[in-house]
Amino acid sequence: MGQLHFFFFPMMAQGHMIPTLDMAKLVACRGVKATIITTPLNEYVFSKAIERNKHLGIEIDIRLIKFPAVENGLPEECERLDLIPSDDKLPNFFKAVAMMQEPLEQLIEECRPTVLSLICFRIGAGVGSMQWNRSASEGVKREAIAKAIKRVMVSEETEGFRSRAKAYKEMARQAIEEGGSSYTGLTTLLEDISSYSSTGH
């Protein structure tokens, strides 16, 4: 069995792409081939960090798939959720995403990765909730956002938030270091995948 090869294909949104880069770095540090699949206008999100990591001996590849924005009634440079001009264009965006299936399948056929990771995080901000298929009348109100920001930035609770954030940052750092829970978990995952792959499944 050859080298393990992970494909990472994040949802085209900032909150999905940055964690994807972090995960690709974690597996690449372990000698696993990591490839991030994205669209041409989103390549810049990854390229600087990937170049920096090459100097550290961490190799991550990028493969591009054309995003069919114009074909689905979107502006030409609308390749990320935050670039959608209005909520009524969300169905167009997801239709364009669905049209990426065939080029993705061709890329998988060409490269034969060991693992394909489709990444779509759902992270709450504590300011309200809404259904994924929003209409113009739904959504988090401006007042709720302002209240949450004020609570985090300039309230009596601010120092507590900062202390917890620092503690979580330190816990995360320790977890990915050798001997940490995430380090051990990733080692086990990679060993299991390698073992499974070598038996011809």
Protein backbone atom coordinates (compact mmCIF):
# COMPACT_ATOMS: atom_id res chain seq x y z
CA MET A 1 0.00 0.00 0.00
CA GLY A 2 1.33 3.44 -0.94
CA GLN A 3 1.19 6.69 0.97
CA LEU A 4 -2.15 7.69 2.45
CA HIS A 5 -3.78 10.55 0.55
CA PHE A 6 -6.48 12.75 2.07
CA PHE A 7 -8.71 14.97 -0.09
CA PHE A 8 -10.24 17.91 1.80
CA PHE A 9 -13.18 19.62 0.10
CA PRO A 10 -14.57 22.42 2.31
CA MET A 11 -17.80 24.29 1.85
CA MET A 12 -17.02 27.61 0.15
CA ALA A 13 -17.27 29.82 3.24
CA GLN A 14 -14.51 31.39 5.36
CA GLY A 15 -15.57 29.56 8.54
CA HIS A 16 -15.15 26.24 6.74
CA MET A 17 -11.98 26.86 4.76
CA ILE A 18 -9.64 27.95 7.57
CA PRO A 19 -10.37 24.87 9.77
CA THR A 20 -9.88 22.73 6.65
CA LEU A 21 -6.39 24.16 6.23
CA ASP A 22 -5.64 23.36 9.88
CA MET A 23 -6.80 19.75 9.43
CA ALA A 24 -4.75 19.36 6.24
CA LYS A 25 -1.67 20.63 8.11
CA LEU A 26 -2.24 18.11 10.92
CA VAL A 27 -2.31 15.12 8.57
CA ALA A 28 0.51 16.47 6.36
CA CYS A 29 2.73 16.78 9.46
CA ARG A 30 2.31 13.01 9.87
CA GLY A 31 3.59 12.23 6.37
CA VAL A 32 0.13 11.90 4.83
CA LYS A 33 -0.38 13.44 1.41
CA ALA A 34 -2.97 16.22 1.80
CA THR A 35 -4.83 17.89 -1.05
CA ILE A 36 -7.32 20.73 -0.65
CA ILE A 37 -9.94 21.06 -3.36
CA THR A 38 -11.36 24.51 -3.91
CA THR A 39 -12.39 26.97 -6.60
CA PRO A 40 -10.10 29.39 -8.46
CA LEU A 41 -11.23 32.51 -6.57
CA ASN A 42 -10.87 30.77 -3.19
CA GLU A 43 -7.34 29.51 -3.83
CA TYR A 44 -5.83 32.60 -2.19
CA VAL A 45 -7.39 31.63 1.16
CA PHE A 46 -5.02 28.64 1.25
CA SER A 47 -2.03 29.55 -0.93
CA LYS A 48 -0.07 31.87 1.42
CA ALA A 49 -0.29 29.49 4.37
CA ILE A 50 0.61 26.52 2.17
CA GLU A 51 3.70 28.35 0.87
CA ARG A 52 4.74 29.23 4.45
CA ASN A 53 4.34 25.61 5.51
CA LYS A 54 6.45 24.34 2.59
CA HIS A 55 9.44 26.03 4.24
CA LEU A 56 8.71 23.87 7.31
CA GLY A 57 8.60 20.71 5.23
CA ILE A 58 4.80 20.43 5.25
CA GLU A 59 3.49 19.68 1.76
CA ILE A 60 -0.16 20.43 0.95
CA ASP A 61 -1.44 20.44 -2.61
CA ILE A 62 -4.32 22.46 -4.04
CA ARG A 63 -6.54 21.26 -6.87
CA LEU A 64 -9.06 23.60 -8.44
CA ILE A 65 -12.57 22.94 -9.72
CA LYS A 66 -14.42 25.59 -11.71
CA PHE A 67 -17.40 27.02 -9.86
CA PRO A 68 -20.36 27.45 -12.27
CA ALA A 69 -21.57 30.80 -10.90
CA VAL A 70 -22.70 32.52 -14.11
CA GLU A 71 -24.38 29.34 -15.39
CA ASN A 72 -26.59 29.48 -12.28
CA GLY A 73 -27.53 33.14 -12.31
CA LEU A 74 -24.81 34.37 -9.93
CA PRO A 75 -22.22 37.09 -10.46
CA GLU A 76 -18.99 35.80 -12.02
CA GLU A 77 -16.93 36.18 -8.83
CA CYS A 78 -19.51 34.67 -6.47
CA GLU A 79 -17.63 31.57 -5.32
CA ARG A 80 -18.18 31.86 -1.57
CA LEU A 81 -21.29 32.13 0.62
CA ASP A 82 -20.40 35.60 1.90
CA LEU A 83 -20.27 36.88 -1.71
CA ILE A 84 -23.88 35.99 -2.50
CA PRO A 85 -25.57 39.32 -3.34
CA SER A 86 -28.90 38.47 -1.64
CA ASP A 87 -30.58 35.62 0.23
CA ASP A 88 -32.85 34.87 -2.74
CA LYS A 89 -29.69 33.72 -4.60
CA LEU A 90 -28.90 30.98 -2.03
CA PRO A 91 -30.70 28.29 -4.10
CA ASN A 92 -28.61 29.35 -7.12
CA PHE A 93 -25.42 28.98 -5.07
CA PHE A 94 -26.32 25.49 -3.87
CA LYS A 95 -27.32 24.46 -7.39
CA ALA A 96 -23.86 25.57 -8.56
CA VAL A 97 -22.28 23.55 -5.72
CA ALA A 98 -24.25 20.48 -6.83
CA MET A 99 -22.90 20.94 -10.37
CA MET A 100 -19.37 20.48 -8.99
CA GLN A 101 -20.10 16.80 -8.37
CA GLU A 102 -19.00 15.58 -11.80
CA PRO A 103 -15.64 17.41 -11.86
CA LEU A 104 -15.04 16.25 -8.26
CA GLU A 105 -15.72 12.65 -9.25
CA GLN A 106 -13.30 13.01 -12.19
CA LEU A 107 -10.63 14.35 -9.84
CA ILE A 108 -11.21 11.46 -7.42
CA GLU A 109 -10.91 9.00 -10.32
CA GLU A 110 -7.67 10.66 -11.44
CA CYS A 111 -5.99 10.91 -8.01
CA ARG A 112 -7.51 7.96 -6.14
CA PRO A 113 -7.33 9.47 -2.61
CA THR A 114 -7.52 7.16 0.40
CA VAL A 115 -9.93 9.48 2.24
CA LEU A 116 -12.33 12.16 1.03
CA SER A 117 -13.38 14.67 3.68
CA LEU A 118 -16.30 16.93 2.79
CA ILE A 119 -16.24 19.68 5.38
CA CYS A 120 -19.28 21.63 6.46
CA PHE A 121 -19.18 23.01 10.00
CA ARG A 122 -22.21 24.37 11.84
CA ILE A 123 -20.93 26.67 14.54
CA GLY A 124 -23.30 28.85 16.59
CA ALA A 125 -22.51 32.39 17.63
CA GLY A 126 -24.95 32.62 20.54
CA VAL A 127 -26.98 35.45 19.05
CA GLY A 128 -29.99 33.48 17.84
CA SER A 129 -30.72 30.75 15.39
CA MET A 130 -32.36 30.40 12.03
CA GLN A 131 -33.17 27.74 9.51
CA TRP A 132 -30.62 27.08 6.77
CA ASN A 133 -33.11 27.97 4.02
CA ARG A 134 -33.68 31.56 5.06
CA SER A 135 -36.22 33.94 3.62
CA ALA A 136 -35.75 37.71 3.62
CA SER A 137 -37.87 38.09 6.77
CA GLU A 138 -35.90 35.57 8.84
CA GLY A 139 -32.50 35.83 10.43
CA VAL A 140 -30.72 37.18 13.44
CA LYS A 141 -31.71 40.73 14.27
CA ARG A 142 -29.17 43.55 14.34
CA GLU A 143 -30.00 44.26 17.99
CA ALA A 144 -29.21 40.68 19.02
CA ILE A 145 -25.82 40.86 17.27
CA ALA A 146 -25.03 44.23 18.89
CA LYS A 147 -26.03 42.89 22.30
CA ALA A 148 -23.83 39.78 21.90
CA ILE A 149 -20.83 41.84 20.75
CA LYS A 150 -21.26 44.25 23.67
CA ARG A 151 -21.54 41.31 26.07
CA VAL A 152 -18.30 39.78 24.79
CA MET A 153 -16.30 42.99 24.33
CA VAL A 154 -17.34 45.52 27.01
CA SER A 155 -19.32 43.93 29.81
CA GLU A 156 -18.49 42.62 33.26
CA GLU A 157 -18.21 39.18 31.64
CA THR A 158 -15.51 40.25 29.14
CA GLU A 159 -12.53 39.12 31.20
CA GLY A 160 -14.19 35.77 31.82
CA PHE A 161 -14.70 35.27 28.07
CA ARG A 162 -11.06 36.16 27.40
CA SER A 163 -9.79 33.84 30.14
CA ARG A 164 -11.88 30.95 28.81
CA ALA A 165 -10.70 31.62 25.24
CA LYS A 166 -7.06 31.56 26.40
CA ALA A 167 -7.68 28.35 28.35
CA TYR A 168 -9.36 26.70 25.32
CA LYS A 169 -6.47 27.81 23.10
CA GLU A 170 -3.97 26.20 25.48
CA MET A 171 -6.05 23.03 25.77
CA ALA A 172 -6.24 22.77 21.96
CA ARG A 173 -2.48 23.32 21.65
CA GLN A 174 -1.78 20.56 24.20
CA ALA A 175 -4.26 18.20 22.54
CA ILE A 176 -2.44 18.27 19.19
CA GLU A 177 1.06 17.94 20.64
CA GLU A 178 2.65 14.49 20.88
CA GLY A 179 0.96 12.61 23.70
CA GLY A 180 -2.17 14.81 23.58
CA SER A 181 -5.63 13.33 23.09
CA SER A 182 -6.08 14.64 19.52
CA TYR A 183 -2.55 13.58 18.58
CA THR A 184 -3.23 10.08 19.84
CA GLY A 185 -6.66 9.99 18.19
CA LEU A 186 -5.23 11.09 14.83
CA THR A 187 -2.46 8.49 15.10
CA THR A 188 -5.05 5.77 15.70
CA LEU A 189 -7.20 7.01 12.80
CA LEU A 190 -4.27 7.04 10.38
CA GLU A 191 -3.17 3.56 11.50
CA ASP A 192 -6.72 2.23 11.07
CA ILE A 193 -7.08 3.74 7.59
CA SER A 194 -3.67 2.44 6.56
CA SER A 195 -4.48 -1.03 7.87
CA TYR A 196 -7.89 -1.04 6.19
CA SER A 197 -6.43 0.20 2.89
CA SER A 198 -3.64 -2.40 2.91
CA THR A 199 -6.17 -5.26 3.18
CA GLY A 200 -7.62 -4.26 -0.19
CA HIS A 201 -10.98 -2.82 0.94
